[in-house]
């Protein structure tokens, strides 16, 4: 599409055509994809979802549809908690917790 617009612009006479193409390209908004939020249920227990809060930490709790139970996996492996905006972070020494998203390997999660 962009190549076709530039070819058309170069075929037109004068600087007006180039200005129109630049204006059209700059006016096209680039929007980031909206996050997909969902609850994550533990299949070993009936009606128990991954729940997170700063005060209570990360735990299993009765599924209730609240934002404390909404998470969004990102393409880089992070899993973001909706209520806090923090990432699911795990280490042997500190367990699983919410922490500021920092791109570190303790925050990379992969399905198995």
Protein backbone atom coordinates (compact mmCIF):
# COMPACT_ATOMS: atom_id res chain seq x y z
CA UNK A 1 0.00 0.00 0.00
CA UNK A 2 2.78 2.42 0.95
CA UNK A 3 4.80 1.55 -2.18
CA UNK A 4 1.74 2.16 -4.36
CA UNK A 5 1.09 5.52 -2.65
CA UNK A 6 4.70 6.59 -3.17
CA UNK A 7 4.63 5.52 -6.86
CA UNK A 8 1.44 7.49 -7.40
CA UNK A 9 2.92 10.50 -5.64
CA UNK A 10 6.06 10.45 -7.75
CA UNK A 11 3.93 10.32 -10.91
CA UNK A 12 2.10 13.49 -9.89
CA UNK A 13 3.74 16.83 -10.61
CA UNK A 14 5.12 19.26 -8.04
CA UNK A 15 5.75 19.18 -4.29
CA UNK A 16 2.05 19.08 -3.46
CA UNK A 17 1.83 15.36 -4.21
CA UNK A 18 4.75 14.57 -1.92
CA UNK A 19 3.23 16.70 0.83
CA UNK A 20 -0.08 14.83 0.49
CA UNK A 21 1.64 11.46 0.80
CA UNK A 22 3.65 12.53 3.85
CA UNK A 23 0.50 13.96 5.45
CA UNK A 24 -1.43 10.74 4.79
CA UNK A 25 1.33 8.58 6.25
CA UNK A 26 1.69 10.74 9.36
CA UNK A 27 -2.08 10.91 9.89
CA UNK A 28 -2.44 7.12 10.03
CA UNK A 29 -2.51 6.28 13.75
CA UNK A 30 -0.51 3.34 15.04
CA UNK A 31 -2.34 1.72 17.92
CA UNK A 32 -0.93 -0.90 20.24
CA UNK A 33 -3.03 -4.00 20.62
CA UNK A 34 -5.25 -3.89 23.69
CA UNK A 35 -4.30 -6.43 26.34
CA UNK A 36 -6.39 -9.56 26.68
CA UNK A 37 -7.31 -10.10 30.33
CA UNK A 38 -8.43 -13.49 31.60
CA UNK A 39 -8.60 -15.56 34.78
CA UNK A 40 -6.40 -18.65 35.09
CA UNK A 41 -8.04 -21.60 36.82
CA UNK A 42 -6.00 -24.36 38.46
CA UNK A 43 -7.28 -27.62 36.99
CA UNK A 44 -6.35 -29.69 40.06
CA UNK A 45 -8.91 -27.86 42.21
CA UNK A 46 -12.56 -27.06 41.61
CA UNK A 47 -13.17 -23.32 41.08
CA UNK A 48 -9.73 -22.10 42.23
CA UNK A 49 -8.08 -19.27 40.25
CA UNK A 50 -4.70 -17.56 40.30
CA UNK A 51 -5.27 -14.49 42.46
CA UNK A 52 -2.85 -11.68 43.17
CA UNK A 53 -2.64 -8.63 45.38
CA UNK A 54 0.20 -6.61 46.84
CA UNK A 55 -0.94 -7.34 50.43
CA UNK A 56 -1.88 -11.04 50.00
CA UNK A 57 0.66 -12.01 47.36
CA UNK A 58 -0.02 -14.59 44.63
CA UNK A 59 -2.23 -17.50 45.66
CA UNK A 60 -5.14 -19.70 44.69
CA UNK A 61 -8.54 -18.31 45.62
CA UNK A 62 -12.16 -19.04 44.74
CA UNK A 63 -12.80 -17.85 41.17
CA UNK A 64 -14.91 -14.70 41.42
CA UNK A 65 -14.36 -12.72 38.20
CA UNK A 66 -12.58 -9.86 39.98
CA UNK A 67 -9.69 -7.88 38.53
CA UNK A 68 -7.38 -9.44 41.15
CA UNK A 69 -7.76 -12.64 39.10
CA UNK A 70 -7.18 -11.14 35.66
CA UNK A 71 -3.85 -11.68 33.95
CA UNK A 72 -2.51 -10.90 30.51
CA UNK A 73 0.30 -12.93 28.92
CA UNK A 74 2.63 -10.87 26.73
CA UNK A 75 4.57 -11.98 23.67
CA UNK A 76 7.88 -11.56 25.55
CA UNK A 77 6.84 -14.15 28.20
CA UNK A 78 5.70 -11.71 30.91
CA UNK A 79 2.34 -12.29 32.61
CA UNK A 80 0.87 -8.97 33.80
CA UNK A 81 -1.59 -8.67 36.71
CA UNK A 82 -4.45 -6.32 35.82
CA UNK A 83 -5.14 -4.82 39.26
CA UNK A 84 -1.54 -3.94 40.12
CA UNK A 85 0.07 -3.63 36.67
CA UNK A 86 2.94 -5.76 38.01
CA UNK A 87 4.39 -8.94 36.55
CA UNK A 88 4.26 -12.50 37.83
CA UNK A 89 7.77 -13.08 39.12
CA UNK A 90 9.21 -16.37 40.37
CA UNK A 91 12.43 -17.47 41.98
CA UNK A 92 13.52 -20.42 44.12
CA UNK A 93 14.44 -18.16 47.04
CA UNK A 94 11.42 -15.81 47.00
CA UNK A 95 8.69 -17.97 45.48
CA UNK A 96 6.05 -16.64 43.10
CA UNK A 97 5.09 -13.00 43.66
CA UNK A 98 4.09 -9.75 41.99
CA UNK A 99 6.97 -7.48 41.10
CA UNK A 100 7.64 -4.45 38.92
CA UNK A 101 7.91 -5.58 35.30
CA UNK A 102 11.59 -5.41 34.39
CA UNK A 103 12.07 -7.86 31.51
CA UNK A 104 14.20 -10.17 33.66
CA UNK A 105 14.24 -13.93 33.22
CA UNK A 106 12.42 -14.42 36.56
CA UNK A 107 9.36 -12.98 34.78
CA UNK A 108 9.46 -15.12 31.64
CA UNK A 109 6.80 -17.82 31.60
CA UNK A 110 6.18 -20.47 28.94
CA UNK A 111 3.30 -22.90 28.61
CA UNK A 112 4.30 -26.57 28.87
